[in-house]
Amino acid sequence: MNVQLTDKIECIFKHTLLLIQEHGFHGTPMSQIAKSSDVAIGTIYHYFPSKEELILQLYDYCKREIHRYIFDDMDKSLSYKEQFFIVFKRFCSFYQHNTDKFSFMEQFYNSPFFEMVKDKTCDGDGPYEENKVIAFLLQGMEKNILKKLDVCILSSAYIGVAVSFSKSVLYGKIQFNEKHLDDLIEIIWNGIKQQHEHEL
């Protein structure tokens, strides 16, 4: 069940993200969420019958936020390669500027909650970033721009490198450098594009 987003629900989500970032899933009881968000625990249970339901709805919320950030104002007149670079850069930018959501999604994928959604990874209702990214990669294959490989493999390479790069920046292992990021995306692009590249 998807709840309609209201100011109160957004407040609950915001505080839940911050608490989970600090304490993890198991260390964040509903009572603590109620106290932090200043929302009565009965009200929280009205919207979310269980903590499990809250976490799954928070997952959907984060997924929608990432989709909007990456794809909403994409200039469709740009070449596919240009869009390929923009999608990757926006993904990295979102994670680097939304560490609470980054932490939540990382924990989600390494928790039993992921078992509830993982079978939908490559369909139209897949994990937070992958459904639209997969559609974007499929478009590249259909237009004979990208190699015709398993789209989940392509998505794992594309998103996996973006996540790894974002972690390295956030954890201070590397210093952000636009040129290095461009070089990194170029390496991915050269690895998955068709030998005879067609720019659109």
N, C-alpha and C. Protein backbone atom coordinates (compact mmCIF):
# COMPACT_ATOMS: atom_id res chain seq x y z
N MET A 1 0.84 -1.19 0.00
CA MET A 1 0.00 0.00 0.00
C MET A 1 0.88 1.24 0.00
N ASN A 2 0.65 2.14 -0.93
CA ASN A 2 1.37 3.39 -0.98
C ASN A 2 0.56 4.47 -0.30
N VAL A 3 1.14 5.10 0.71
CA VAL A 3 0.44 6.17 1.40
C VAL A 3 0.63 7.46 0.63
N GLN A 4 -0.37 8.33 0.70
CA GLN A 4 -0.26 9.63 0.04
C GLN A 4 0.67 10.51 0.86
N LEU A 5 1.63 11.12 0.20
CA LEU A 5 2.62 11.92 0.90
C LEU A 5 2.01 13.20 1.43
N THR A 6 2.11 13.41 2.73
CA THR A 6 1.66 14.63 3.37
C THR A 6 2.83 15.21 4.14
N ASP A 7 2.66 16.43 4.66
CA ASP A 7 3.73 17.05 5.44
C ASP A 7 4.08 16.19 6.66
N LYS A 8 3.07 15.59 7.27
CA LYS A 8 3.31 14.78 8.47
C LYS A 8 4.08 13.51 8.10
N ILE A 9 3.69 12.87 7.01
CA ILE A 9 4.39 11.66 6.59
C ILE A 9 5.82 11.99 6.16
N GLU A 10 5.99 13.10 5.47
CA GLU A 10 7.33 13.51 5.06
C GLU A 10 8.20 13.78 6.29
N CYS A 11 7.60 14.33 7.32
CA CYS A 11 8.33 14.56 8.58
C CYS A 11 8.74 13.23 9.20
N ILE A 12 7.83 12.27 9.21
CA ILE A 12 8.15 10.94 9.73
C ILE A 12 9.29 10.32 8.94
N PHE A 13 9.21 10.41 7.62
CA PHE A 13 10.27 9.86 6.77
C PHE A 13 11.61 10.52 7.06
N LYS A 14 11.60 11.84 7.15
CA LYS A 14 12.84 12.59 7.36
C LYS A 14 13.53 12.15 8.65
N HIS A 15 12.77 12.06 9.72
CA HIS A 15 13.37 11.69 11.01
C HIS A 15 13.74 10.21 11.05
N THR A 16 12.98 9.38 10.39
CA THR A 16 13.33 7.96 10.34
C THR A 16 14.65 7.77 9.60
N LEU A 17 14.84 8.48 8.50
CA LEU A 17 16.10 8.40 7.76
C LEU A 17 17.28 8.78 8.63
N LEU A 18 17.15 9.88 9.35
CA LEU A 18 18.25 10.35 10.20
C LEU A 18 18.55 9.36 11.32
N LEU A 19 17.50 8.80 11.92
CA LEU A 19 17.70 7.84 13.01
C LEU A 19 18.33 6.55 12.51
N ILE A 20 17.86 6.08 11.36
CA ILE A 20 18.43 4.85 10.79
C ILE A 20 19.88 5.06 10.38
N GLN A 21 20.18 6.24 9.87
CA GLN A 21 21.57 6.54 9.51
C GLN A 21 22.48 6.45 10.74
N GLU A 22 21.96 6.87 11.89
CA GLU A 22 22.77 6.89 13.11
C GLU A 22 22.73 5.56 13.87
N HIS A 23 21.55 4.93 13.90
CA HIS A 23 21.37 3.77 14.77
C HIS A 23 21.10 2.46 14.03
N GLY A 24 20.84 2.51 12.73
CA GLY A 24 20.50 1.30 12.00
C GLY A 24 19.03 0.93 12.15
N PHE A 25 18.61 -0.07 11.38
CA PHE A 25 17.21 -0.49 11.40
C PHE A 25 16.80 -1.00 12.79
N HIS A 26 17.61 -1.90 13.34
CA HIS A 26 17.24 -2.53 14.61
C HIS A 26 17.32 -1.56 15.78
N GLY A 27 18.15 -0.55 15.66
CA GLY A 27 18.30 0.41 16.75
C GLY A 27 17.36 1.59 16.67
N THR A 28 16.37 1.50 15.79
CA THR A 28 15.43 2.61 15.60
C THR A 28 14.00 2.11 15.84
N PRO A 29 13.54 2.08 17.09
CA PRO A 29 12.16 1.66 17.37
C PRO A 29 11.15 2.74 16.99
N MET A 30 9.92 2.35 16.82
CA MET A 30 8.86 3.29 16.47
C MET A 30 8.71 4.39 17.52
N SER A 31 8.94 4.04 18.78
CA SER A 31 8.82 5.04 19.84
C SER A 31 9.84 6.15 19.68
N GLN A 32 11.04 5.80 19.23
CA GLN A 32 12.09 6.80 19.02
C GLN A 32 11.75 7.69 17.81
N ILE A 33 11.16 7.09 16.79
CA ILE A 33 10.73 7.85 15.62
C ILE A 33 9.66 8.86 16.02
N ALA A 34 8.72 8.42 16.86
CA ALA A 34 7.64 9.30 17.33
C ALA A 34 8.22 10.47 18.12
N LYS A 35 9.17 10.18 19.00
CA LYS A 35 9.78 11.23 19.83
C LYS A 35 10.56 12.22 18.96
N SER A 36 11.36 11.71 18.04
CA SER A 36 12.19 12.58 17.21
C SER A 36 11.37 13.45 16.27
N SER A 37 10.32 12.87 15.69
CA SER A 37 9.49 13.59 14.71
C SER A 37 8.40 14.43 15.35
N ASP A 38 8.20 14.24 16.66
CA ASP A 38 7.13 14.93 17.39
C ASP A 38 5.76 14.60 16.80
N VAL A 39 5.62 13.37 16.36
CA VAL A 39 4.34 12.85 15.86
C VAL A 39 3.91 11.74 16.80
N ALA A 40 2.66 11.78 17.24
CA ALA A 40 2.16 10.77 18.18
C ALA A 40 2.32 9.37 17.60
N ILE A 41 2.74 8.44 18.45
CA ILE A 41 3.00 7.09 17.95
C ILE A 41 1.74 6.46 17.37
N GLY A 42 0.56 6.83 17.93
CA GLY A 42 -0.69 6.32 17.39
C GLY A 42 -0.92 6.81 15.97
N THR A 43 -0.50 8.05 15.69
CA THR A 43 -0.62 8.60 14.34
C THR A 43 0.31 7.87 13.37
N ILE A 44 1.51 7.57 13.84
CA ILE A 44 2.45 6.83 12.99
C ILE A 44 1.88 5.46 12.64
N TYR A 45 1.31 4.79 13.63
CA TYR A 45 0.73 3.47 13.36
C TYR A 45 -0.53 3.56 12.50
N HIS A 46 -1.18 4.71 12.51
CA HIS A 46 -2.33 4.91 11.62
C HIS A 46 -1.88 4.86 10.15
N TYR A 47 -0.74 5.51 9.88
CA TYR A 47 -0.20 5.52 8.51
C TYR A 47 0.55 4.23 8.18
N PHE A 48 1.26 3.70 9.19
CA PHE A 48 2.12 2.54 8.97
C PHE A 48 1.82 1.51 10.06
N PRO A 49 1.06 0.46 9.73
CA PRO A 49 0.65 -0.53 10.73
C PRO A 49 1.81 -1.23 11.44
N SER A 50 2.98 -1.19 10.83
CA SER A 50 4.15 -1.84 11.43
C SER A 50 5.41 -1.12 11.00
N LYS A 51 6.49 -1.39 11.71
CA LYS A 51 7.78 -0.83 11.34
C LYS A 51 8.21 -1.34 9.97
N GLU A 52 7.89 -2.59 9.69
CA GLU A 52 8.20 -3.16 8.38
C GLU A 52 7.53 -2.36 7.27
N GLU A 53 6.27 -2.02 7.46
CA GLU A 53 5.55 -1.25 6.46
C GLU A 53 6.16 0.14 6.30
N LEU A 54 6.56 0.76 7.41
CA LEU A 54 7.20 2.08 7.35
C LEU A 54 8.48 2.02 6.53
N ILE A 55 9.31 1.01 6.76
CA ILE A 55 10.57 0.90 6.05
C ILE A 55 10.34 0.66 4.56
N LEU A 56 9.38 -0.17 4.22
CA LEU A 56 9.09 -0.44 2.81
C LEU A 56 8.55 0.81 2.11
N GLN A 57 7.72 1.58 2.82
CA GLN A 57 7.20 2.82 2.23
C GLN A 57 8.31 3.87 2.12
N LEU A 58 9.22 3.87 3.08
CA LEU A 58 10.35 4.80 3.02
C LEU A 58 11.26 4.45 1.84
N TYR A 59 11.40 3.18 1.59
CA TYR A 59 12.16 2.72 0.42
C TYR A 59 11.54 3.26 -0.87
N ASP A 60 10.22 3.14 -1.00
CA ASP A 60 9.53 3.65 -2.19
C ASP A 60 9.70 5.16 -2.32
N TYR A 61 9.66 5.85 -1.18
CA TYR A 61 9.84 7.31 -1.18
C TYR A 61 11.23 7.68 -1.68
N CYS A 62 12.25 7.01 -1.17
CA CYS A 62 13.62 7.29 -1.61
C CYS A 62 13.79 7.00 -3.09
N LYS A 63 13.19 5.91 -3.54
CA LYS A 63 13.26 5.54 -4.95
C LYS A 63 12.67 6.65 -5.83
N ARG A 64 11.52 7.17 -5.43
CA ARG A 64 10.89 8.24 -6.22
C ARG A 64 11.73 9.51 -6.20
N GLU A 65 12.32 9.82 -5.07
CA GLU A 65 13.17 11.01 -4.97
C GLU A 65 14.38 10.91 -5.90
N ILE A 66 14.99 9.75 -5.95
CA ILE A 66 16.14 9.56 -6.82
C ILE A 66 15.73 9.66 -8.29
N HIS A 67 14.61 9.04 -8.62
CA HIS A 67 14.12 9.12 -10.00
C HIS A 67 13.91 10.56 -10.43
N ARG A 68 13.26 11.33 -9.57
CA ARG A 68 12.99 12.73 -9.91
C ARG A 68 14.28 13.50 -10.12
N TYR A 69 15.22 13.31 -9.23
CA TYR A 69 16.48 14.04 -9.29
C TYR A 69 17.24 13.73 -10.57
N ILE A 70 17.22 12.47 -10.98
CA ILE A 70 18.01 12.05 -12.13
C ILE A 70 17.32 12.35 -13.46
N PHE A 71 16.03 12.08 -13.54
CA PHE A 71 15.38 12.03 -14.85
C PHE A 71 14.39 13.15 -15.15
N ASP A 72 13.91 13.88 -14.16
CA ASP A 72 12.77 14.77 -14.40
C ASP A 72 13.01 15.84 -15.47
N ASP A 73 14.17 16.47 -15.48
CA ASP A 73 14.39 17.55 -16.45
C ASP A 73 15.45 17.18 -17.48
N MET A 74 15.53 15.89 -17.79
CA MET A 74 16.51 15.45 -18.78
C MET A 74 16.17 16.03 -20.16
N ASP A 75 17.16 16.60 -20.81
CA ASP A 75 16.99 17.16 -22.16
C ASP A 75 17.05 16.03 -23.18
N LYS A 76 15.89 15.66 -23.71
CA LYS A 76 15.82 14.53 -24.64
C LYS A 76 16.47 14.82 -25.98
N SER A 77 16.81 16.10 -26.23
CA SER A 77 17.46 16.43 -27.50
C SER A 77 18.96 16.09 -27.47
N LEU A 78 19.48 15.81 -26.30
CA LEU A 78 20.89 15.45 -26.19
C LEU A 78 21.13 14.05 -26.76
N SER A 79 22.35 13.78 -27.17
CA SER A 79 22.68 12.45 -27.66
C SER A 79 22.56 11.45 -26.52
N TYR A 80 22.43 10.19 -26.88
CA TYR A 80 22.32 9.15 -25.85
C TYR A 80 23.58 9.14 -24.97
N LYS A 81 24.73 9.31 -25.58
CA LYS A 81 25.97 9.32 -24.80
C LYS A 81 25.97 10.47 -23.79
N GLU A 82 25.52 11.63 -24.21
CA GLU A 82 25.47 12.77 -23.29
C GLU A 82 24.51 12.48 -22.12
N GLN A 83 23.37 11.88 -22.43
CA GLN A 83 22.43 11.52 -21.37
C GLN A 83 23.02 10.46 -20.45
N PHE A 84 23.78 9.54 -21.02
CA PHE A 84 24.44 8.48 -20.26
C PHE A 84 25.37 9.09 -19.20
N PHE A 85 26.11 10.09 -19.59
CA PHE A 85 27.01 10.79 -18.66
C PHE A 85 26.22 11.54 -17.60
N ILE A 86 25.15 12.21 -18.01
CA ILE A 86 24.35 13.01 -17.07
C ILE A 86 23.70 12.13 -16.02
N VAL A 87 23.12 11.01 -16.45
CA VAL A 87 22.47 10.10 -15.50
C VAL A 87 23.46 9.64 -14.44
N PHE A 88 24.65 9.24 -14.87
CA PHE A 88 25.67 8.78 -13.94
C PHE A 88 26.07 9.89 -12.96
N LYS A 89 26.30 11.08 -13.50
CA LYS A 89 26.73 12.19 -12.65
C LYS A 89 25.65 12.59 -11.66
N ARG A 90 24.40 12.58 -12.09
CA ARG A 90 23.31 12.94 -11.18
C ARG A 90 23.13 11.91 -10.09
N PHE A 91 23.33 10.65 -10.45
CA PHE A 91 23.25 9.61 -9.43
C PHE A 91 24.30 9.84 -8.35
N CYS A 92 25.53 10.09 -8.77
CA CYS A 92 26.60 10.36 -7.81
C CYS A 92 26.31 11.60 -7.00
N SER A 93 25.82 12.65 -7.65
CA SER A 93 25.51 13.90 -6.96
C SER A 93 24.41 13.71 -5.92
N PHE A 94 23.38 12.95 -6.28
CA PHE A 94 22.29 12.70 -5.33
C PHE A 94 22.81 12.03 -4.08
N TYR A 95 23.60 10.99 -4.25
CA TYR A 95 24.11 10.26 -3.10
C TYR A 95 25.05 11.12 -2.24
N GLN A 96 25.87 11.93 -2.89
CA GLN A 96 26.83 12.73 -2.13
C GLN A 96 26.15 13.87 -1.36
N HIS A 97 24.96 14.28 -1.82
CA HIS A 97 24.25 15.38 -1.15
C HIS A 97 23.05 14.91 -0.33
N ASN A 98 22.81 13.62 -0.32
CA ASN A 98 21.70 13.05 0.46
C ASN A 98 22.19 11.81 1.20
N THR A 99 23.10 12.04 2.13
CA THR A 99 23.76 10.91 2.80
C THR A 99 22.78 10.09 3.64
N ASP A 100 21.70 10.72 4.12
CA ASP A 100 20.72 9.96 4.90
C ASP A 100 20.02 8.92 4.02
N LYS A 101 19.67 9.31 2.81
CA LYS A 101 19.02 8.37 1.88
C LYS A 101 20.03 7.33 1.39
N PHE A 102 21.26 7.76 1.17
CA PHE A 102 22.32 6.83 0.76
C PHE A 102 22.49 5.75 1.82
N SER A 103 22.61 6.17 3.08
CA SER A 103 22.79 5.22 4.18
C SER A 103 21.60 4.28 4.28
N PHE A 104 20.40 4.82 4.13
CA PHE A 104 19.20 3.99 4.22
C PHE A 104 19.20 2.92 3.13
N MET A 105 19.46 3.33 1.88
CA MET A 105 19.40 2.38 0.78
C MET A 105 20.50 1.32 0.89
N GLU A 106 21.67 1.71 1.37
CA GLU A 106 22.75 0.75 1.56
C GLU A 106 22.34 -0.29 2.60
N GLN A 107 21.74 0.18 3.70
CA GLN A 107 21.29 -0.75 4.74
C GLN A 107 20.13 -1.62 4.25
N PHE A 108 19.25 -1.01 3.46
CA PHE A 108 18.10 -1.74 2.95
C PHE A 108 18.54 -2.93 2.10
N TYR A 109 19.51 -2.69 1.22
CA TYR A 109 19.97 -3.74 0.32
C TYR A 109 20.72 -4.84 1.05
N ASN A 110 21.16 -4.57 2.26
CA ASN A 110 21.88 -5.58 3.05
C ASN A 110 21.04 -6.07 4.23
N SER A 111 19.73 -6.00 4.07
CA SER A 111 18.81 -6.41 5.14
C SER A 111 17.79 -7.40 4.61
N PRO A 112 17.06 -8.06 5.49
CA PRO A 112 15.99 -8.97 5.04
C PRO A 112 14.89 -8.26 4.25
N PHE A 113 14.77 -6.95 4.40
CA PHE A 113 13.74 -6.22 3.66
C PHE A 113 13.94 -6.33 2.16
N PHE A 114 15.20 -6.41 1.73
CA PHE A 114 15.47 -6.51 0.31
C PHE A 114 14.90 -7.80 -0.28
N GLU A 115 14.82 -8.85 0.55
CA GLU A 115 14.26 -10.12 0.09
C GLU A 115 12.82 -9.93 -0.39
N MET A 116 12.14 -8.94 0.16
CA MET A 116 10.74 -8.72 -0.19
C MET A 116 10.57 -8.05 -1.55
N VAL A 117 11.64 -7.44 -2.06
CA VAL A 117 11.52 -6.70 -3.32
C VAL A 117 12.50 -7.14 -4.39
N LYS A 118 13.47 -7.96 -4.04
CA LYS A 118 14.57 -8.23 -4.97
C LYS A 118 14.12 -8.94 -6.23
N ASP A 119 13.04 -9.73 -6.16
CA ASP A 119 12.57 -10.43 -7.35
C ASP A 119 12.05 -9.48 -8.42
N LYS A 120 11.83 -8.21 -8.01
CA LYS A 120 11.31 -7.22 -8.96
C LYS A 120 12.41 -6.30 -9.48
N THR A 121 13.65 -6.68 -9.24
CA THR A 121 14.78 -5.81 -9.58
C THR A 121 14.75 -5.34 -11.03
N CYS A 122 14.44 -6.25 -11.94
CA CYS A 122 14.54 -5.90 -13.36
C CYS A 122 13.20 -5.74 -14.04
N ASP A 123 12.12 -5.61 -13.27
CA ASP A 123 10.85 -5.35 -13.93
C ASP A 123 10.46 -3.90 -13.71
N GLY A 124 9.25 -3.54 -14.02
CA GLY A 124 8.83 -2.14 -13.99
C GLY A 124 8.66 -1.56 -12.62
N ASP A 125 8.82 -2.39 -11.57
CA ASP A 125 8.65 -1.88 -10.22
C ASP A 125 9.87 -2.26 -9.38
N GLY A 126 11.03 -2.12 -10.00
CA GLY A 126 12.25 -2.57 -9.36
C GLY A 126 12.78 -1.60 -8.32
N PRO A 127 13.94 -1.93 -7.74
CA PRO A 127 14.53 -1.09 -6.72
C PRO A 127 14.73 0.35 -7.15
N TYR A 128 14.88 1.17 -6.11
CA TYR A 128 14.82 2.62 -6.21
C TYR A 128 15.38 3.24 -7.47
N GLU A 129 16.62 2.97 -7.84
CA GLU A 129 17.15 3.64 -9.03
C GLU A 129 17.05 2.78 -10.26
N GLU A 130 16.88 1.45 -10.12
CA GLU A 130 17.12 0.55 -11.23
C GLU A 130 15.99 0.51 -12.25
N ASN A 131 14.74 0.73 -11.86
CA ASN A 131 13.70 0.57 -12.87
C ASN A 131 13.83 1.58 -14.00
N LYS A 132 14.05 2.85 -13.70
CA LYS A 132 14.23 3.84 -14.76
C LYS A 132 15.60 3.75 -15.41
N VAL A 133 16.60 3.38 -14.64
CA VAL A 133 17.92 3.19 -15.23
C VAL A 133 17.88 2.02 -16.20
N ILE A 134 17.20 0.95 -15.81
CA ILE A 134 17.08 -0.21 -16.70
C ILE A 134 16.36 0.18 -17.98
N ALA A 135 15.29 0.96 -17.85
CA ALA A 135 14.57 1.42 -19.05
C ALA A 135 15.49 2.24 -19.94
N PHE A 136 16.33 3.07 -19.32
CA PHE A 136 17.27 3.90 -20.06
C PHE A 136 18.30 3.03 -20.79
N LEU A 137 18.81 2.01 -20.10
CA LEU A 137 19.79 1.11 -20.72
C LEU A 137 19.14 0.28 -21.83
N LEU A 138 17.92 -0.16 -21.62
CA LEU A 138 17.21 -0.91 -22.66
C LEU A 138 17.02 -0.05 -23.91
N GLN A 139 16.76 1.22 -23.69
CA GLN A 139 16.63 2.14 -24.82
C GLN A 139 17.92 2.17 -25.62
N GLY A 140 19.05 2.19 -24.93
CA GLY A 140 20.34 2.19 -25.61
C GLY A 140 20.57 0.93 -26.41
N MET A 141 20.11 -0.20 -25.88
CA MET A 141 20.26 -1.46 -26.61
C MET A 141 19.33 -1.51 -27.82
N GLU A 142 18.10 -1.05 -27.62
CA GLU A 142 17.13 -1.06 -28.71
C GLU A 142 17.57 -0.18 -29.88
N LYS A 143 18.30 0.89 -29.57
CA LYS A 143 18.79 1.78 -30.61
C LYS A 143 20.15 1.37 -31.14
N ASN A 144 20.60 0.17 -30.71
CA ASN A 144 21.87 -0.38 -31.19
C ASN A 144 23.07 0.48 -30.80
N ILE A 145 22.95 1.15 -29.66
CA ILE A 145 24.05 1.97 -29.15
C ILE A 145 24.86 1.18 -28.12
N LEU A 146 24.16 0.44 -27.26
CA LEU A 146 24.82 -0.38 -26.25
C LEU A 146 24.82 -1.85 -26.66
N LYS A 147 25.80 -2.58 -26.15
CA LYS A 147 25.86 -4.01 -26.41
C LYS A 147 24.60 -4.70 -25.87
N LYS A 148 24.14 -5.69 -26.58
CA LYS A 148 22.94 -6.41 -26.17
C LYS A 148 23.31 -7.50 -25.16
N LEU A 149 23.45 -7.08 -23.92
CA LEU A 149 23.79 -7.96 -22.81
C LEU A 149 22.59 -8.02 -21.85
N ASP A 150 22.68 -8.87 -20.87
CA ASP A 150 21.65 -8.91 -19.84
C ASP A 150 21.57 -7.54 -19.18
N VAL A 151 20.37 -6.94 -19.20
CA VAL A 151 20.24 -5.56 -18.73
C VAL A 151 20.55 -5.43 -17.25
N CYS A 152 20.33 -6.50 -16.49
CA CYS A 152 20.65 -6.45 -15.06
C CYS A 152 22.17 -6.39 -14.85
N ILE A 153 22.91 -7.05 -15.72
CA ILE A 153 24.38 -6.99 -15.65
C ILE A 153 24.84 -5.57 -15.98
N LEU A 154 24.27 -5.00 -17.04
CA LEU A 154 24.63 -3.62 -17.40
C LEU A 154 24.30 -2.65 -16.27
N SER A 155 23.12 -2.83 -15.69
CA SER A 155 22.71 -1.95 -14.60
C SER A 155 23.63 -2.09 -13.39
N SER A 156 24.02 -3.32 -13.08
CA SER A 156 24.92 -3.55 -11.96
C SER A 156 26.26 -2.86 -12.17
N ALA A 157 26.76 -2.93 -13.41
CA ALA A 157 28.04 -2.27 -13.71
C ALA A 157 27.91 -0.76 -13.61
N TYR A 158 26.85 -0.24 -14.20
CA TYR A 158 26.62 1.22 -14.25
C TYR A 158 26.39 1.79 -12.86
N ILE A 159 25.42 1.22 -12.15
CA ILE A 159 25.08 1.71 -10.81
C ILE A 159 26.14 1.34 -9.79
N GLY A 160 26.68 0.13 -9.92
CA GLY A 160 27.69 -0.30 -8.96
C GLY A 160 28.90 0.60 -8.91
N VAL A 161 29.35 1.03 -10.07
CA VAL A 161 30.51 1.93 -10.13
C VAL A 161 30.14 3.30 -9.55
N ALA A 162 28.94 3.77 -9.84
CA ALA A 162 28.50 5.06 -9.31
C ALA A 162 28.43 5.03 -7.78
N VAL A 163 27.91 3.94 -7.23
CA VAL A 163 27.83 3.79 -5.77
C VAL A 163 29.24 3.74 -5.17
N SER A 164 30.10 2.96 -5.79
CA SER A 164 31.48 2.83 -5.30
C SER A 164 32.20 4.18 -5.32
N PHE A 165 32.03 4.92 -6.42
CA PHE A 165 32.66 6.24 -6.52
C PHE A 165 32.12 7.17 -5.44
N SER A 166 30.80 7.17 -5.24
CA SER A 166 30.18 8.05 -4.25
C SER A 166 30.68 7.71 -2.84
N LYS A 167 30.80 6.43 -2.54
CA LYS A 167 31.32 6.01 -1.24
C LYS A 167 32.74 6.51 -1.04
N SER A 168 33.55 6.37 -2.06
CA SER A 168 34.95 6.78 -1.94
C SER A 168 35.07 8.28 -1.66
N VAL A 169 34.19 9.07 -2.29
CA VAL A 169 34.19 10.52 -2.04
C VAL A 169 33.70 10.81 -0.63
N LEU A 170 32.58 10.18 -0.24
CA LEU A 170 31.98 10.44 1.07
C LEU A 170 32.90 10.02 2.22
N TYR A 171 33.61 8.91 2.03
CA TYR A 171 34.48 8.39 3.09
C TYR A 171 35.88 8.98 3.03
N GLY A 172 36.09 9.94 2.12
CA GLY A 172 37.37 10.63 2.06
C GLY A 172 38.51 9.83 1.46
N LYS A 173 38.17 8.73 0.76
CA LYS A 173 39.22 7.93 0.13
C LYS A 173 39.79 8.61 -1.10
N ILE A 174 38.93 9.36 -1.79
CA ILE A 174 39.38 10.14 -2.94
C ILE A 174 38.75 11.53 -2.85
N GLN A 175 39.37 12.49 -3.50
CA GLN A 175 38.84 13.84 -3.55
C GLN A 175 38.07 14.00 -4.86
N PHE A 176 36.88 14.58 -4.76
CA PHE A 176 36.07 14.72 -5.96
C PHE A 176 36.79 15.56 -7.01
N ASN A 177 36.77 15.06 -8.23
CA ASN A 177 37.41 15.75 -9.34
C ASN A 177 36.57 15.47 -10.59
N GLU A 178 36.07 16.53 -11.21
CA GLU A 178 35.18 16.39 -12.37
C GLU A 178 35.85 15.65 -13.51
N LYS A 179 37.12 15.91 -13.73
CA LYS A 179 37.86 15.24 -14.81
C LYS A 179 37.95 13.74 -14.54
N HIS A 180 38.25 13.37 -13.30
CA HIS A 180 38.33 11.97 -12.95
C HIS A 180 36.97 11.28 -13.13
N LEU A 181 35.90 11.99 -12.77
CA LEU A 181 34.56 11.42 -12.95
C LEU A 181 34.25 11.21 -14.42
N ASP A 182 34.60 12.18 -15.25
CA ASP A 182 34.40 12.03 -16.70
C ASP A 182 35.20 10.84 -17.24
N ASP A 183 36.43 10.70 -16.76
CA ASP A 183 37.27 9.58 -17.21
C ASP A 183 36.65 8.25 -16.80
N LEU A 184 36.10 8.21 -15.60
CA LEU A 184 35.48 6.99 -15.09
C LEU A 184 34.27 6.60 -15.94
N ILE A 185 33.41 7.57 -16.24
CA ILE A 185 32.22 7.28 -17.05
C ILE A 185 32.64 6.86 -18.46
N GLU A 186 33.69 7.47 -18.97
CA GLU A 186 34.18 7.11 -20.31
C GLU A 186 34.63 5.65 -20.34
N ILE A 187 35.25 5.20 -19.26
CA ILE A 187 35.68 3.80 -19.19
C ILE A 187 34.47 2.88 -19.24
N ILE A 188 33.42 3.21 -18.49
CA ILE A 188 32.20 2.40 -18.50
C ILE A 188 31.57 2.43 -19.89
N TRP A 189 31.47 3.63 -20.45
CA TRP A 189 30.87 3.80 -21.78
C TRP A 189 31.61 2.95 -22.82
N ASN A 190 32.91 3.02 -22.82
CA ASN A 190 33.70 2.27 -23.81
C ASN A 190 33.54 0.76 -23.63
N GLY A 191 33.23 0.34 -22.41
CA GLY A 191 33.08 -1.08 -22.15
C GLY A 191 31.74 -1.65 -22.58
N ILE A 192 30.70 -0.81 -22.65
CA ILE A 192 29.37 -1.36 -22.93
C ILE A 192 28.75 -0.83 -24.23
N LYS A 193 29.42 0.10 -24.91
CA LYS A 193 28.87 0.59 -26.17
C LYS A 193 29.14 -0.43 -27.28
N GLN A 194 28.33 -0.35 -28.32
CA GLN A 194 28.57 -1.17 -29.51
C GLN A 194 29.88 -0.74 -30.16
N GLN A 195 30.52 -1.63 -30.89
CA GLN A 195 31.76 -1.30 -31.56
C GLN A 195 31.58 -0.17 -32.55
N HIS A 196 30.42 -0.16 -33.23
CA HIS A 196 30.11 0.92 -34.16
C HIS A 196 29.07 1.81 -33.50
N GLU A 197 29.56 2.80 -32.80
CA GLU A 197 28.71 3.67 -31.99
C GLU A 197 27.86 4.58 -32.88
N HIS A 198 26.58 4.68 -32.55
CA HIS A 198 25.68 5.58 -33.28
C HIS A 198 25.18 6.63 -32.29
N GLU A 199 25.59 7.84 -32.49
CA GLU A 199 25.11 8.93 -31.64
C GLU A 199 23.78 9.44 -32.19
N LEU A 200 22.86 9.71 -31.26
CA LEU A 200 21.53 10.20 -31.68
C LEU A 200 21.39 11.67 -31.33
